Amino acid sequence: MSTHPAHPFDYAALDAYLNGDLPFLKRLACARHLKRCPRCRAVLERVKSDNQLWADISAAETTPPDANPTNHEC
């Protein structure tokens, strides 16, 4: 999503919003914008989904083979 007057928050800004990394006033402006903009709320949901996917991938990569119950010999 490109940044323009109607949509001042791009993917990176919405990711920062979710992570609590936006400065206070930008966070307030983002929250206000999200209340009235279904398009940006949809992008926010995509950011959440992507973040969860990356967390799942990271967890799978750090799980030792012994901890995976499907990785055993019968």
C-alpha atoms as a PDB file:
ATOM      1  CA  MET A   1       0.000   0.000   0.000  1.00  0.00           C
ATOM      2  CA  SER A   2       1.570   3.266  -1.018  1.00  0.00           C
ATOM      3  CA  THR A   3       1.442   6.306   1.204  1.00  0.00           C
ATOM      4  CA  HIS A   4      -0.852   9.142   0.085  1.00  0.00           C
ATOM      5  CA  PRO A   5      -3.114  11.604   1.916  1.00  0.00           C
ATOM      6  CA  ALA A   6      -6.024   9.179   2.298  1.00  0.00           C
ATOM      7  CA  HIS A   7      -3.739   6.378   3.526  1.00  0.00           C
ATOM      8  CA  PRO A   8      -0.826   7.903   5.422  1.00  0.00           C
ATOM      9  CA  PHE A   9       0.280   4.581   6.946  1.00  0.00           C
ATOM     10  CA  ASP A  10       2.038   1.976   4.831  1.00  0.00           C
ATOM     11  CA  TYR A  11       2.813  -1.662   5.698  1.00  0.00           C
ATOM     12  CA  ALA A  12       5.988  -0.740   7.608  1.00  0.00           C
ATOM     13  CA  ALA A  13       4.190   1.927   9.639  1.00  0.00           C
ATOM     14  CA  LEU A  14       1.377  -0.483  10.507  1.00  0.00           C
ATOM     15  CA  ASP A  15       3.974  -3.064  11.562  1.00  0.00           C
ATOM     16  CA  ALA A  16       5.593  -0.433  13.786  1.00  0.00           C
ATOM     17  CA  TYR A  17       2.125   0.413  15.161  1.00  0.00           C
ATOM     18  CA  LEU A  18       1.565  -3.231  16.115  1.00  0.00           C
ATOM     19  CA  ASN A  19       4.988  -3.481  17.715  1.00  0.00           C
ATOM     20  CA  GLY A  20       4.514  -0.269  19.689  1.00  0.00           C
ATOM     21  CA  ASP A  21       7.393   1.383  17.822  1.00  0.00           C
ATOM     22  CA  LEU A  22       5.565   4.481  16.588  1.00  0.00           C
ATOM     23  CA  PRO A  23       6.009   7.753  18.446  1.00  0.00           C
ATOM     24  CA  PHE A  24       3.017   8.647  20.612  1.00  0.00           C
ATOM     25  CA  LEU A  25       1.408  11.210  18.279  1.00  0.00           C
ATOM     26  CA  LYS A  26       1.835   8.998  15.201  1.00  0.00           C
ATOM     27  CA  ARG A  27       0.361   6.089  17.149  1.00  0.00           C
ATOM     28  CA  LEU A  28      -2.694   8.209  18.016  1.00  0.00           C
ATOM     29  CA  ALA A  29      -3.075   9.339  14.404  1.00  0.00           C
ATOM     30  CA  CYS A  30      -2.747   5.748  13.193  1.00  0.00           C
ATOM     31  CA  ALA A  31      -5.355   4.489  15.678  1.00  0.00           C
ATOM     32  CA  ARG A  32      -7.740   7.265  14.622  1.00  0.00           C
ATOM     33  CA  HIS A  33      -7.192   6.483  10.938  1.00  0.00           C
ATOM     34  CA  LEU A  34      -7.708   2.745  11.473  1.00  0.00           C
ATOM     35  CA  LYS A  35     -11.095   3.393  13.106  1.00  0.00           C
ATOM     36  CA  ARG A  36     -12.439   4.908   9.899  1.00  0.00           C
ATOM     37  CA  CYS A  37     -10.472   3.120   7.168  1.00  0.00           C
ATOM     38  CA  PRO A  38     -11.430  -0.474   6.311  1.00  0.00           C
ATOM     39  CA  ARG A  39      -8.633  -0.691   3.736  1.00  0.00           C
ATOM     40  CA  CYS A  40      -5.942   0.065   6.315  1.00  0.00           C
ATOM     41  CA  ARG A  41      -7.605  -2.274   8.837  1.00  0.00           C
ATOM     42  CA  ALA A  42      -7.357  -5.021   6.212  1.00  0.00           C
ATOM     43  CA  VAL A  43      -3.660  -4.246   5.727  1.00  0.00           C
ATOM     44  CA  LEU A  44      -3.219  -4.302   9.516  1.00  0.00           C
ATOM     45  CA  GLU A  45      -4.773  -7.780   9.606  1.00  0.00           C
ATOM     46  CA  ARG A  46      -2.335  -8.837   6.867  1.00  0.00           C
ATOM     47  CA  VAL A  47       0.581  -7.490   8.907  1.00  0.00           C
ATOM     48  CA  LYS A  48      -0.654  -9.465  11.938  1.00  0.00           C
ATOM     49  CA  SER A  49      -0.976 -12.605   9.827  1.00  0.00           C
ATOM     50  CA  ASP A  50       2.481 -12.148   8.319  1.00  0.00           C
ATOM     51  CA  ASN A  51       4.013 -11.559  11.749  1.00  0.00           C
ATOM     52  CA  GLN A  52       2.392 -14.746  13.059  1.00  0.00           C
ATOM     53  CA  LEU A  53       3.663 -16.691  10.052  1.00  0.00           C
ATOM     54  CA  TRP A  54       7.228 -15.463  10.668  1.00  0.00           C
ATOM     55  CA  ALA A  55       6.916 -16.321  14.364  1.00  0.00           C
ATOM     56  CA  ASP A  56       5.739 -19.831  13.471  1.00  0.00           C
ATOM     57  CA  ILE A  57       8.605 -20.290  11.008  1.00  0.00           C
ATOM     58  CA  SER A  58      11.111 -19.059  13.570  1.00  0.00           C
ATOM     59  CA  ALA A  59       9.717 -21.406  16.228  1.00  0.00           C
ATOM     60  CA  ALA A  60       9.837 -24.361  13.828  1.00  0.00           C
ATOM     61  CA  GLU A  61      13.453 -23.604  12.948  1.00  0.00           C
ATOM     62  CA  THR A  62      14.499 -23.475  16.601  1.00  0.00           C
ATOM     63  CA  THR A  63      12.602 -26.591  17.724  1.00  0.00           C
ATOM     64  CA  PRO A  64      15.050 -29.473  18.233  1.00  0.00           C
ATOM     65  CA  PRO A  65      14.178 -32.643  16.303  1.00  0.00           C
ATOM     66  CA  ASP A  66      13.643 -34.557  19.588  1.00  0.00           C
ATOM     67  CA  ALA A  67      10.858 -32.154  20.560  1.00  0.00           C
ATOM     68  CA  ASN A  68       8.810 -32.976  17.482  1.00  0.00           C
ATOM     69  CA  PRO A  69       6.626 -36.019  18.288  1.00  0.00           C
ATOM     70  CA  THR A  70       6.241 -36.898  14.603  1.00  0.00           C
ATOM     71  CA  ASN A  71      10.017 -37.311  14.308  1.00  0.00           C
ATOM     72  CA  HIS A  72      10.374 -40.669  15.997  1.00  0.00           C
ATOM     73  CA  GLU A  73      11.020 -44.196  14.907  1.00  0.00           C
ATOM     74  CA  CYS A  74       8.355 -46.824  15.518  1.00  0.00           C
END
